[in-house]
N, C-alpha and C. Protein backbone atom coordinates (compact mmCIF):
# COMPACT_ATOMS: atom_id res chain seq x y z
N MET A 1 -24.24 -1.04 8.36
CA MET A 1 -23.49 -1.22 7.14
C MET A 1 -22.69 0.04 6.85
N ALA A 2 -21.41 -0.11 6.60
CA ALA A 2 -20.55 1.02 6.30
C ALA A 2 -20.83 1.57 4.91
N ILE A 3 -20.67 2.86 4.77
CA ILE A 3 -20.85 3.49 3.47
C ILE A 3 -19.64 3.18 2.60
N LYS A 4 -19.89 2.80 1.35
CA LYS A 4 -18.80 2.46 0.44
C LYS A 4 -18.63 3.58 -0.57
N GLY A 5 -17.40 3.97 -0.77
CA GLY A 5 -17.09 4.98 -1.76
C GLY A 5 -15.98 4.50 -2.66
N TRP A 6 -15.76 5.21 -3.75
CA TRP A 6 -14.66 4.90 -4.65
C TRP A 6 -14.33 6.15 -5.46
N ILE A 7 -13.18 6.10 -6.10
CA ILE A 7 -12.75 7.25 -6.90
C ILE A 7 -12.48 6.82 -8.33
N GLU A 8 -12.59 7.78 -9.23
CA GLU A 8 -12.12 7.61 -10.60
C GLU A 8 -11.08 8.69 -10.82
N VAL A 9 -9.96 8.31 -11.42
CA VAL A 9 -8.85 9.22 -11.63
C VAL A 9 -8.75 9.56 -13.11
N ASP A 10 -8.73 10.83 -13.41
CA ASP A 10 -8.49 11.29 -14.79
C ASP A 10 -6.98 11.34 -14.96
N GLU A 11 -6.43 10.32 -15.58
CA GLU A 11 -4.98 10.20 -15.68
C GLU A 11 -4.35 11.23 -16.59
N LEU A 12 -5.14 11.93 -17.38
CA LEU A 12 -4.59 13.02 -18.20
C LEU A 12 -4.29 14.25 -17.35
N HIS A 13 -4.94 14.33 -16.17
CA HIS A 13 -4.75 15.49 -15.30
C HIS A 13 -3.98 15.17 -14.03
N CYS A 14 -3.97 13.93 -13.58
CA CYS A 14 -3.27 13.57 -12.34
C CYS A 14 -1.77 13.69 -12.55
N LYS A 15 -1.12 14.48 -11.69
CA LYS A 15 0.33 14.65 -11.80
C LYS A 15 1.07 13.99 -10.65
N GLY A 16 0.37 13.15 -9.89
CA GLY A 16 1.02 12.39 -8.84
C GLY A 16 1.58 13.23 -7.72
N CYS A 17 0.94 14.34 -7.39
CA CYS A 17 1.47 15.25 -6.37
C CYS A 17 1.34 14.68 -4.96
N GLY A 18 0.36 13.79 -4.74
CA GLY A 18 0.19 13.16 -3.44
C GLY A 18 -0.61 13.95 -2.43
N LEU A 19 -1.14 15.11 -2.80
CA LEU A 19 -1.95 15.89 -1.85
C LEU A 19 -3.18 15.11 -1.41
N CYS A 20 -3.80 14.41 -2.32
CA CYS A 20 -4.99 13.62 -1.98
C CYS A 20 -4.63 12.47 -1.05
N VAL A 21 -3.48 11.86 -1.27
CA VAL A 21 -3.02 10.75 -0.42
C VAL A 21 -2.85 11.25 1.01
N ALA A 22 -2.23 12.41 1.16
CA ALA A 22 -1.99 12.98 2.49
C ALA A 22 -3.28 13.40 3.17
N ALA A 23 -4.28 13.80 2.39
CA ALA A 23 -5.53 14.31 2.96
C ALA A 23 -6.55 13.22 3.28
N CYS A 24 -6.36 12.02 2.78
CA CYS A 24 -7.35 10.95 2.96
C CYS A 24 -7.44 10.52 4.43
N PRO A 25 -8.59 10.74 5.07
CA PRO A 25 -8.72 10.37 6.48
C PRO A 25 -8.77 8.86 6.70
N GLN A 26 -9.07 8.09 5.67
CA GLN A 26 -9.15 6.64 5.80
C GLN A 26 -7.82 5.95 5.47
N ASN A 27 -6.87 6.70 4.93
CA ASN A 27 -5.55 6.16 4.54
C ASN A 27 -5.66 4.97 3.60
N VAL A 28 -6.50 5.13 2.57
CA VAL A 28 -6.69 4.04 1.61
C VAL A 28 -6.19 4.40 0.21
N MET A 29 -5.54 5.54 0.08
CA MET A 29 -5.03 5.98 -1.22
C MET A 29 -3.51 5.95 -1.22
N SER A 30 -2.95 5.71 -2.40
CA SER A 30 -1.50 5.78 -2.57
C SER A 30 -1.21 6.02 -4.04
N LEU A 31 0.03 6.36 -4.33
CA LEU A 31 0.45 6.49 -5.71
C LEU A 31 0.77 5.10 -6.24
N ASP A 32 0.33 4.81 -7.45
CA ASP A 32 0.57 3.51 -8.07
C ASP A 32 1.95 3.54 -8.73
N MET A 33 2.94 3.02 -8.04
CA MET A 33 4.32 3.08 -8.50
C MET A 33 4.61 2.11 -9.65
N GLU A 34 3.63 1.30 -10.02
CA GLU A 34 3.82 0.35 -11.12
C GLU A 34 3.24 0.85 -12.43
N ARG A 35 2.58 2.00 -12.42
CA ARG A 35 1.96 2.55 -13.62
C ARG A 35 2.38 3.99 -13.82
N LEU A 36 2.29 4.44 -15.05
CA LEU A 36 2.55 5.83 -15.39
C LEU A 36 1.37 6.38 -16.20
N THR A 37 1.08 7.65 -16.01
CA THR A 37 0.06 8.32 -16.81
C THR A 37 0.67 8.66 -18.17
N PRO A 38 -0.13 9.08 -19.13
CA PRO A 38 0.43 9.48 -20.43
C PRO A 38 1.49 10.60 -20.32
N LYS A 39 1.43 11.38 -19.24
CA LYS A 39 2.40 12.45 -19.05
C LYS A 39 3.61 12.00 -18.23
N GLY A 40 3.63 10.74 -17.79
CA GLY A 40 4.78 10.20 -17.09
C GLY A 40 4.75 10.27 -15.58
N TYR A 41 3.57 10.50 -15.00
CA TYR A 41 3.43 10.56 -13.55
C TYR A 41 2.85 9.26 -13.01
N HIS A 42 3.11 8.97 -11.75
CA HIS A 42 2.47 7.83 -11.08
C HIS A 42 1.10 8.29 -10.59
N PRO A 43 0.03 7.68 -11.07
CA PRO A 43 -1.31 8.13 -10.68
C PRO A 43 -1.71 7.60 -9.29
N VAL A 44 -2.66 8.26 -8.71
CA VAL A 44 -3.20 7.83 -7.43
C VAL A 44 -4.18 6.68 -7.66
N HIS A 45 -4.35 5.84 -6.66
CA HIS A 45 -5.35 4.77 -6.72
C HIS A 45 -5.73 4.37 -5.30
N LEU A 46 -6.80 3.63 -5.17
CA LEU A 46 -7.20 3.08 -3.87
C LEU A 46 -6.43 1.77 -3.68
N HIS A 47 -5.66 1.67 -2.62
CA HIS A 47 -4.89 0.46 -2.38
C HIS A 47 -5.55 -0.45 -1.35
N ALA A 48 -6.65 -0.02 -0.76
CA ALA A 48 -7.33 -0.82 0.25
C ALA A 48 -8.81 -0.46 0.27
N ASP A 49 -9.61 -1.35 0.84
CA ASP A 49 -11.02 -1.06 1.06
C ASP A 49 -11.13 -0.07 2.20
N GLY A 50 -12.23 0.63 2.26
CA GLY A 50 -12.45 1.55 3.36
C GLY A 50 -12.79 2.96 2.94
N CYS A 51 -12.76 3.23 1.64
CA CYS A 51 -13.14 4.56 1.16
C CYS A 51 -14.60 4.80 1.50
N THR A 52 -14.89 5.97 2.08
CA THR A 52 -16.26 6.31 2.43
C THR A 52 -16.88 7.31 1.46
N GLY A 53 -16.10 7.75 0.49
CA GLY A 53 -16.60 8.73 -0.47
C GLY A 53 -16.76 10.11 0.12
N CYS A 54 -15.92 10.45 1.10
CA CYS A 54 -16.04 11.75 1.78
C CYS A 54 -15.77 12.93 0.86
N GLY A 55 -14.93 12.73 -0.16
CA GLY A 55 -14.66 13.78 -1.14
C GLY A 55 -13.52 14.72 -0.81
N ILE A 56 -12.86 14.52 0.33
CA ILE A 56 -11.75 15.41 0.69
C ILE A 56 -10.65 15.36 -0.36
N CYS A 57 -10.37 14.19 -0.89
CA CYS A 57 -9.31 14.06 -1.90
C CYS A 57 -9.61 14.92 -3.12
N ALA A 58 -10.85 14.93 -3.56
CA ALA A 58 -11.22 15.72 -4.73
C ALA A 58 -11.14 17.22 -4.44
N ILE A 59 -11.44 17.61 -3.21
CA ILE A 59 -11.39 19.02 -2.83
C ILE A 59 -9.96 19.54 -2.85
N VAL A 60 -9.00 18.74 -2.37
CA VAL A 60 -7.62 19.22 -2.30
C VAL A 60 -6.85 19.03 -3.60
N CYS A 61 -7.40 18.30 -4.55
CA CYS A 61 -6.70 18.06 -5.82
C CYS A 61 -6.61 19.36 -6.62
N PRO A 62 -5.38 19.85 -6.86
CA PRO A 62 -5.24 21.12 -7.58
C PRO A 62 -5.59 21.04 -9.06
N ASP A 63 -5.69 19.84 -9.60
CA ASP A 63 -5.97 19.68 -11.02
C ASP A 63 -7.34 19.08 -11.31
N ALA A 64 -8.17 18.93 -10.30
CA ALA A 64 -9.52 18.37 -10.45
C ALA A 64 -9.48 17.03 -11.19
N ALA A 65 -8.52 16.20 -10.82
CA ALA A 65 -8.33 14.91 -11.49
C ALA A 65 -9.13 13.78 -10.87
N LEU A 66 -9.81 14.04 -9.76
CA LEU A 66 -10.54 12.97 -9.08
C LEU A 66 -12.04 13.21 -9.11
N THR A 67 -12.78 12.13 -9.33
CA THR A 67 -14.22 12.12 -9.18
C THR A 67 -14.53 11.09 -8.10
N VAL A 68 -15.30 11.51 -7.11
CA VAL A 68 -15.61 10.63 -5.98
C VAL A 68 -17.05 10.17 -6.07
N PHE A 69 -17.25 8.89 -5.82
CA PHE A 69 -18.59 8.30 -5.83
C PHE A 69 -18.88 7.73 -4.46
N ARG A 70 -20.13 7.75 -4.10
CA ARG A 70 -20.56 7.23 -2.81
C ARG A 70 -21.80 6.38 -3.03
N GLU A 71 -21.74 5.15 -2.52
CA GLU A 71 -22.87 4.23 -2.67
C GLU A 71 -24.05 4.76 -1.87
N ALA A 72 -25.19 4.81 -2.51
CA ALA A 72 -26.40 5.30 -1.85
C ALA A 72 -26.94 4.26 -0.88
N LYS A 73 -27.42 4.73 0.25
CA LYS A 73 -28.06 3.84 1.21
C LYS A 73 -29.44 3.44 0.67
N ILE A 74 -29.76 2.18 0.77
CA ILE A 74 -31.05 1.70 0.32
C ILE A 74 -31.98 1.63 1.52
N LYS A 75 -33.09 2.32 1.44
CA LYS A 75 -34.05 2.32 2.54
C LYS A 75 -34.93 1.09 2.42
N ALA A 76 -35.13 0.44 3.52
CA ALA A 76 -35.94 -0.78 3.52
C ALA A 76 -37.41 -0.47 3.47
């Protein structure tokens, strides 16, 4: 079973710089060109399944706008 991850974006801090999009090894992130943050930027979002919760996006984010979650493995 693949590990599932997801992100939460703090839209008050996301400035749509795209550094996280470029750093994502799974290529599942993009800027949401249909929405704007309160400051007028296009926020990042997951556009496809496949996020593993690696956290690289949060590490490269200069504004700490991303929180990464990773589904815990359940031991049988």
